[in-house]
Protein backbone atom coordinates (compact mmCIF):
# COMPACT_ATOMS: atom_id res chain seq x y z
CA MET A 1 62.03 51.60 -3.25
CA ASP A 2 59.01 51.07 -1.63
CA PRO A 3 56.86 49.56 -4.55
CA LEU A 4 53.46 50.56 -2.36
CA PRO A 5 53.19 54.42 -3.64
CA GLY A 6 53.46 53.31 -6.94
CA LEU A 7 50.69 50.33 -6.98
CA VAL A 8 47.97 53.17 -5.55
CA GLY A 9 49.13 55.76 -7.94
CA PHE A 10 48.64 53.44 -10.60
CA ALA A 11 45.50 52.24 -9.14
CA ALA A 12 44.62 56.32 -9.07
CA ALA A 13 45.27 56.58 -12.86
CA VAL A 14 43.26 53.48 -13.60
CA ARG A 15 40.23 55.34 -12.05
CA GLU A 16 41.39 58.61 -13.45
CA ALA A 17 40.90 56.38 -17.36
CA GLY A 18 37.09 55.71 -16.23
CA VAL A 19 37.18 52.36 -14.03
CA ALA A 20 35.28 52.48 -11.01
CA CYS A 21 37.43 51.06 -8.39
CA GLY A 22 36.72 51.91 -5.01
CA PRO A 23 38.71 51.51 -1.85
CA GLY A 24 37.46 47.96 -1.76
CA ARG A 25 38.86 47.12 -5.01
CA VAL A 26 42.36 48.91 -4.63
CA ARG A 27 42.75 47.32 -1.46
CA ALA A 28 41.91 44.16 -3.05
CA TYR A 29 44.42 44.82 -5.86
CA LEU A 30 47.36 45.51 -3.55
CA ASP A 31 46.57 42.01 -1.51
CA ALA A 32 46.95 39.95 -4.85
CA VAL A 33 50.16 42.00 -5.66
CA ALA A 34 51.17 40.64 -2.11
CA GLU A 35 51.22 36.80 -3.41
CA ILE A 36 52.27 37.39 -6.93
CA ASP A 37 55.82 37.71 -8.26
CA ALA A 38 55.78 41.16 -8.93
CA ALA A 39 58.98 41.14 -10.93
CA ARG A 40 56.85 39.48 -13.98
CA VAL A 41 54.95 41.69 -15.65
CA GLY A 42 52.11 39.23 -16.99
CA GLN A 43 51.41 38.73 -13.00
CA LEU A 44 51.11 41.91 -12.01
CA TYR A 45 48.81 42.88 -15.21
CA TRP A 46 46.47 40.37 -14.64
CA ALA A 47 46.54 40.91 -10.68
CA GLY A 48 45.46 44.42 -11.68
CA ARG A 49 42.81 43.15 -14.48
CA VAL A 50 41.14 40.55 -11.94
CA THR A 51 40.78 42.97 -8.90
CA LEU A 52 40.37 46.72 -10.61
CA CYS A 53 38.32 46.03 -13.68
CA GLY A 54 34.48 45.15 -12.69
CA GLU A 55 32.66 45.01 -16.06
CA PRO A 56 33.68 44.21 -20.15
CA ASP A 57 34.08 48.10 -20.80
CA ASP A 58 36.87 48.98 -18.49
CA LEU A 59 39.17 46.42 -19.70
CA PRO A 60 40.23 48.61 -22.64
CA ARG A 61 40.36 51.54 -20.09
CA TYR A 62 42.40 49.39 -18.08
CA ASP A 63 45.33 48.40 -20.65
CA ALA A 64 45.61 52.20 -21.85
CA ALA A 65 46.32 52.93 -18.16
CA PHE A 66 48.61 50.11 -17.58
CA HIS A 67 50.73 50.97 -20.86
CA ALA A 68 50.68 54.42 -19.95
CA TRP A 69 51.61 54.42 -16.21
CA PHE A 70 54.36 51.80 -16.91
CA THR A 71 56.27 53.62 -20.17
CA GLY A 72 55.18 57.21 -20.03
CA ALA A 73 53.44 57.05 -23.22
CA THR A 74 49.89 58.45 -24.30
CA PRO A 75 47.23 56.52 -23.18
CA ARG A 76 45.70 54.46 -26.33
CA PRO A 77 43.29 51.32 -25.90
CA ARG A 78 44.68 48.15 -26.83
CA SER A 79 43.35 44.51 -27.15
CA ALA A 80 43.32 42.74 -24.06
CA GLY A 81 46.53 41.59 -22.84
CA PRO A 82 49.11 43.19 -21.35
CA PRO A 83 51.02 46.11 -23.11
CA ALA A 84 54.73 45.63 -23.72
CA ILE A 85 56.49 47.13 -20.34
CA ARG A 86 59.98 49.29 -21.49
CA ARG A 87 62.35 50.69 -19.04
CA SER A 88 61.48 54.44 -18.19
CA ARG A 89 62.40 56.60 -15.95
CA LEU A 90 58.62 57.11 -15.45
CA SER A 91 58.13 54.01 -14.55
CA PRO A 92 57.16 54.19 -10.25
CA LEU A 93 58.46 50.98 -9.71
CA GLY A 94 61.83 51.40 -11.30
CA ASP A 95 63.21 48.33 -12.40
CA LEU A 96 59.77 46.34 -12.45
CA GLY A 97 59.12 47.94 -15.81
CA ALA A 98 62.54 46.49 -17.30
CA GLY A 99 62.72 43.99 -19.66
CA SER A 100 63.70 42.94 -23.24
CA SER A 101 61.82 42.62 -26.25
CA SER A 102 61.39 39.06 -26.32
CA GLU A 103 60.19 39.01 -22.96
CA ALA A 104 57.80 41.76 -23.55
CA ARG A 105 56.65 39.59 -26.83
CA ASP A 106 56.26 36.24 -23.96
CA THR A 107 54.40 38.06 -22.10
CA ASP A 108 51.86 39.11 -24.74
CA ARG A 109 51.63 36.20 -25.87
CA MET A 110 50.93 34.42 -22.60
CA ALA A 111 47.98 37.08 -21.41
CA SER A 112 46.30 36.61 -24.98
CA ASP A 113 46.61 32.54 -24.05
CA ALA A 114 44.97 33.34 -20.80
CA GLU A 115 42.65 35.50 -22.40
CA VAL A 116 41.46 32.64 -24.25
CA LEU A 117 41.74 30.33 -21.54
CA ARG A 118 38.97 32.68 -19.25
CA HIS A 119 36.53 31.68 -22.15
CA ARG A 120 37.17 28.24 -22.82
CA ASP A 121 34.63 25.24 -20.97
CA VAL A 122 36.05 24.05 -17.41
CA SER A 123 35.53 20.46 -19.01
CA GLU A 124 37.54 20.88 -22.22
CA LEU A 125 41.25 22.01 -20.26
CA THR A 126 44.12 20.18 -20.45
CA ALA A 127 45.96 19.53 -17.03
CA ALA A 128 48.12 22.35 -17.73
CA GLU A 129 45.25 24.76 -18.70
CA ARG A 130 43.56 23.54 -15.30
CA ALA A 131 46.54 24.56 -13.72
CA HIS A 132 46.61 27.97 -15.29
CA LEU A 133 43.07 28.24 -14.89
CA ARG A 134 43.86 27.52 -10.82
CA GLU A 135 46.29 30.47 -10.67
CA LEU A 136 43.71 32.92 -12.17
CA ILE A 137 40.57 31.74 -10.17
CA ALA A 138 43.22 32.22 -6.59
CA LEU A 139 43.40 35.86 -8.04
CA LEU A 140 39.24 36.18 -7.82
CA ARG A 141 39.19 39.00 -5.18
CA PRO A 142 35.02 39.19 -5.08
CA ASP A 143 33.13 42.38 -3.33
CA PRO A 144 30.34 40.71 -1.27
CA PRO A 145 27.13 42.82 -1.71
CA LEU A 146 25.59 45.14 0.82
CA ARG A 147 22.62 45.46 2.89
CA ARG A 148 21.27 47.84 5.22
CA ALA A 149 22.00 47.64 9.03
CA LEU A 150 20.04 48.33 12.04
CA ARG A 151 22.01 50.47 13.16
CA LYS A 152 23.41 54.00 12.32
CA LYS A 153 26.46 56.39 12.05
CA PRO A 154 26.86 59.75 12.01
CA ASP A 155 26.65 61.54 8.70
CA ARG A 156 26.98 64.87 7.31
CA ARG A 157 24.07 64.54 4.83
CA GLY A 158 21.71 61.93 6.63
CA SER A 159 18.73 62.41 8.74
CA ILE A 160 18.58 64.24 11.70
CA ASP A 161 19.71 62.43 14.91
CA SER A 162 17.43 63.91 17.55
CA HIS A 163 19.40 62.49 20.37
CA ARG A 164 22.84 63.75 19.55
CA THR A 165 21.11 67.09 18.59
CA LEU A 166 19.61 67.61 22.47
CA ARG A 167 22.25 66.20 24.01
CA ALA A 168 24.43 69.09 22.30
CA MET A 169 21.62 71.73 23.38
CA ARG A 170 22.16 71.15 26.78
CA ALA A 171 25.54 71.19 26.73
CA ALA A 172 24.90 74.65 24.93
CA GLY A 173 22.86 76.18 27.93
CA GLY A 174 19.69 75.55 25.28
CA GLU A 175 20.96 77.62 23.08
CA THR A 176 20.56 76.34 19.09
CA VAL A 177 23.38 74.20 17.71
CA ARG A 178 24.19 72.64 14.47
CA LEU A 179 21.97 69.57 13.68
CA ALA A 180 23.46 66.14 13.82
CA ARG A 181 22.83 63.84 11.38
CA GLU A 182 22.94 60.01 10.81
CA ARG A 183 22.55 57.12 8.46
CA ARG A 184 22.30 53.82 8.31
CA ARG A 185 25.46 51.33 7.98
CA SER A 186 26.18 48.79 5.51
CA ARG A 187 27.34 45.07 6.02
CA PRO A 188 27.92 42.55 3.81
CA ARG A 189 25.09 40.16 2.77
CA ARG A 190 25.54 36.71 3.60
CA ILE A 191 26.15 34.67 0.28
CA VAL A 192 25.04 30.41 0.50
CA LEU A 193 27.08 28.49 -2.41
CA LEU A 194 24.83 25.05 -2.59
CA ILE A 195 27.43 23.17 -5.03
CA ASP A 196 26.24 19.97 -6.60
CA VAL A 197 29.12 17.19 -6.54
CA SER A 198 27.13 14.63 -8.71
CA GLY A 199 29.02 12.47 -11.31
CA SER A 200 27.41 14.75 -14.26
CA MET A 201 29.46 17.80 -12.46
CA SER A 202 32.35 16.44 -11.88
CA PRO A 203 34.05 17.85 -14.42
CA TYR A 204 33.28 21.42 -12.75
CA ALA A 205 33.58 20.29 -9.10
CA ASP A 206 37.39 21.60 -8.93
CA ALA A 207 37.10 24.77 -10.05
CA LEU A 208 33.68 25.55 -8.26
CA LEU A 209 35.26 24.98 -5.42
CA ARG A 210 37.94 26.69 -5.84
CA PHE A 211 36.01 29.48 -6.93
CA ALA A 212 33.82 29.02 -3.63
CA HIS A 213 37.31 28.84 -1.65
CA ALA A 214 38.13 32.75 -3.63
CA MET A 215 34.91 33.99 -2.07
CA ALA A 216 34.71 32.13 1.44
CA ARG A 217 38.14 33.81 2.27
CA ARG A 218 36.87 37.46 1.37
CA SER A 219 32.92 37.32 2.09
CA PRO A 220 30.66 35.98 4.67
CA VAL A 221 29.93 33.10 2.46
CA GLU A 222 28.59 29.83 3.88
CA VAL A 223 29.36 26.71 1.46
CA PHE A 224 27.42 23.47 0.81
CA THR A 225 27.68 20.51 -1.64
CA LEU A 226 24.55 18.51 -2.77
CA GLY A 227 24.68 14.49 -4.28
CA THR A 228 23.21 11.99 -2.16
CA ARG A 229 23.91 13.98 0.95
CA LEU A 230 24.51 17.15 2.01
CA THR A 231 28.00 18.59 3.39
CA ARG A 232 29.06 21.72 4.64
CA LEU A 233 32.15 22.86 4.00
CA THR A 234 32.56 26.55 5.24
CA ARG A 235 35.08 25.82 7.36
CA GLN A 236 37.32 23.53 5.09
CA LEU A 237 37.32 26.50 2.84
CA ARG A 238 38.37 29.18 4.99
CA GLN A 239 42.11 28.19 4.68
CA ARG A 240 43.91 30.63 3.41
CA ASP A 241 45.89 28.03 1.07
CA PRO A 242 43.72 26.68 -1.87
CA GLU A 243 45.56 23.56 -2.26
CA PHE A 244 44.99 22.51 1.61
CA ALA A 245 41.51 23.98 1.70
CA LEU A 246 40.65 21.78 -1.64
CA ALA A 247 42.25 18.29 -0.01
CA ALA A 248 40.28 18.97 3.19
CA ALA A 249 37.07 19.50 1.02
CA ALA A 250 37.71 16.38 -0.52
CA ARG A 251 38.17 14.60 2.91
CA ALA A 252 34.98 15.88 3.84
CA VAL A 253 32.50 15.34 1.06
CA PRO A 254 31.83 11.46 1.11
CA ASP A 255 29.93 11.33 -2.26
CA PHE A 256 32.04 13.38 -4.76
CA ALA A 257 30.79 11.93 -8.49
CA GLY A 258 28.23 9.92 -6.96
CA GLY A 259 24.07 10.34 -7.94
CA THR A 260 21.98 13.69 -7.10
CA ARG A 261 19.14 13.88 -5.01
CA LEU A 262 18.85 17.98 -5.02
CA GLY A 263 14.90 17.79 -3.54
CA GLU A 264 15.91 15.63 -0.39
CA THR A 265 19.60 17.45 -0.06
CA LEU A 266 18.24 20.62 0.00
CA ARG A 267 15.34 19.92 2.00
CA ALA A 268 18.45 18.63 4.47
CA PHE A 269 19.52 21.81 3.73
CA LEU A 270 16.69 24.17 4.59
CA ASP A 271 15.84 21.74 7.68
CA ARG A 272 18.96 22.00 9.63
CA TRP A 273 20.35 25.54 8.50
CA GLY A 274 18.49 27.61 6.14
CA GLN A 275 15.07 27.83 7.97
CA ARG A 276 17.62 28.57 11.11
CA GLY A 277 18.87 31.82 9.97
CA VAL A 278 21.52 30.89 6.82
CA ALA A 279 19.47 31.48 4.11
CA ARG A 280 17.66 34.27 5.39
CA GLN A 281 17.45 37.66 3.27
CA ALA A 282 21.11 35.21 1.83
CA VAL A 283 22.07 35.71 -1.81
CA VAL A 284 21.64 32.05 -2.47
CA VAL A 285 23.77 30.07 -5.59
CA LEU A 286 23.18 26.97 -6.64
CA PHE A 287 25.32 24.97 -9.19
CA SER A 288 24.02 22.07 -10.88
CA ASP A 289 23.05 20.93 -14.43
CA GLY A 290 19.54 20.06 -12.68
CA TRP A 291 19.58 16.30 -13.24
CA GLU A 292 17.73 14.94 -10.55
CA ARG A 293 17.05 11.54 -9.74
CA GLY A 294 14.64 11.51 -6.92
CA ASP A 295 11.15 13.30 -7.42
CA PRO A 296 10.88 16.82 -8.99
CA ARG A 297 8.24 17.71 -7.21
CA LEU A 298 9.99 17.53 -3.62
CA LEU A 299 12.70 19.86 -5.57
CA GLY A 300 10.16 22.15 -6.94
CA GLU A 301 8.40 22.45 -3.12
CA GLN A 302 12.03 23.12 -1.64
CA MET A 303 12.84 25.42 -4.12
CA ALA A 304 9.94 27.50 -3.62
CA ARG A 305 10.46 27.37 -0.06
CA LEU A 306 14.32 28.81 -0.47
CA GLY A 307 12.58 31.24 -2.66
CA ARG A 308 10.97 32.66 0.06
CA LEU A 309 13.67 32.48 2.84
CA ALA A 310 16.89 33.71 0.80
CA HIS A 311 16.88 37.52 -0.60
CA ARG A 312 17.82 36.66 -4.19
CA VAL A 313 18.42 32.66 -5.88
CA PHE A 314 20.77 32.26 -8.56
CA TRP A 315 20.82 28.73 -10.21
CA VAL A 316 24.36 28.58 -12.05
CA ASN A 317 24.10 25.66 -14.69
CA PRO A 318 27.52 24.87 -16.80
CA HIS A 319 25.45 23.89 -19.79
CA ALA A 320 23.22 26.93 -20.09
CA GLY A 321 26.24 28.88 -21.88
CA ALA A 322 25.56 26.49 -25.19
CA ASP A 323 23.23 28.25 -27.97
CA ALA A 324 21.11 25.34 -28.53
CA TYR A 325 20.70 24.73 -24.69
CA GLN A 326 16.94 24.08 -23.57
CA PRO A 327 16.08 24.38 -19.56
CA VAL A 328 14.36 21.06 -20.01
CA GLN A 329 15.78 19.00 -17.24
CA SER A 330 13.67 17.53 -14.48
CA GLY A 331 15.37 19.81 -11.68
CA ILE A 332 15.39 23.08 -13.58
CA ALA A 333 11.65 22.68 -15.18
CA VAL A 334 10.73 22.61 -11.70
CA ALA A 335 12.92 24.98 -10.26
CA LEU A 336 13.05 28.04 -12.61
CA PRO A 337 9.28 29.52 -11.51
CA HIS A 338 11.75 30.06 -8.13
CA VAL A 339 14.91 31.60 -9.51
CA HIS A 340 15.94 35.08 -10.03
CA ARG A 341 18.47 34.46 -12.48
CA LEU A 342 19.45 31.44 -14.31
CA LEU A 343 23.41 31.99 -15.30
CA ALA A 344 26.06 30.02 -17.08
CA GLY A 345 28.61 28.56 -15.39
CA HIS A 346 31.28 26.60 -17.27
CA SER A 347 34.16 29.20 -17.58
CA LEU A 348 35.98 31.40 -15.89
CA ALA A 349 34.55 34.31 -17.70
CA THR A 350 31.09 33.14 -16.91
CA LEU A 351 31.97 32.81 -13.41
CA ASP A 352 33.18 36.72 -13.31
CA ARG A 353 30.09 37.56 -14.70
CA LEU A 354 28.05 35.49 -11.63
CA LEU A 355 30.17 37.72 -9.89
CA GLN A 356 28.89 40.74 -10.91
CA GLU A 357 25.34 39.74 -10.35
CA VAL A 358 25.88 38.52 -7.03
CA ARG A 359 27.34 42.15 -5.93
CA ARG A 360 24.35 43.99 -7.57
CA ALA A 361 22.18 42.06 -5.67
């Protein structure tokens, strides 16, 4: 049986439950299901949760809709984690909802572990937890921010299109016709990711590059690494397979776990790429802990220059999520006046919040 109608129907049920999942999120959900084993309940649950939910308040609504759709039960709020799915005549995917009670308990436990993992600091994960985190990052389907384009398209409620209206009147012999209307098109806004790969950022480098890969495959994204030199990784990270993409990135970056010269590398980016158009009216995200071995004044000058070019500038610091964190590092201190938001970036949950900030930009 073709599962597509059931998957689309489930997305509609999630929307009816109060989750704002538009066509873009539904398309991302279908793409995610195509990449997983849909017969495994846990994977099916997380594919929908990662792609269809955009806010923390969406999670209990999604859980209730998932439970109701696959079991035929009355929707009810549940704690984070996939509900146990039983065989039901109402299951739109047929045997996909079949499973023993022990399998359901295992699925609940795995989902609970995954929810805990989403909030764990990446630098503290074991090898097995890092492997699981890679799977969760690969399921991300980020929606790019939109901007108004110069060109317009026909629309029922837009402004009056005088040219089309006059052409229609001439064709009708000068008789009054319905007014033609138009509005500006929307197009994705460019995103620029600048990732610090120095020694102090090495515990987070793999997760951040995988996050950049997930974004680069879905949005107009430019990716650069900063260390002792600047390296462009956009071409390498556009490969479909994340392992091939990360391997190509590792070969291209000569200064992994080296020193940090943020001011010099940022100036190189602006001179060669940013000033010529890459950073103009883009959303720029700089991932770094702010430790600067070069001249902090140079970094401050280049951050001011970047702020004048970009639409929004976000600085993501893995240490900013700690309760006692203070932005006193030399790089952070000079950059803050030119940054729109300082965000944490130590876990998958904080990266999800970053995606929300970028989308709202």
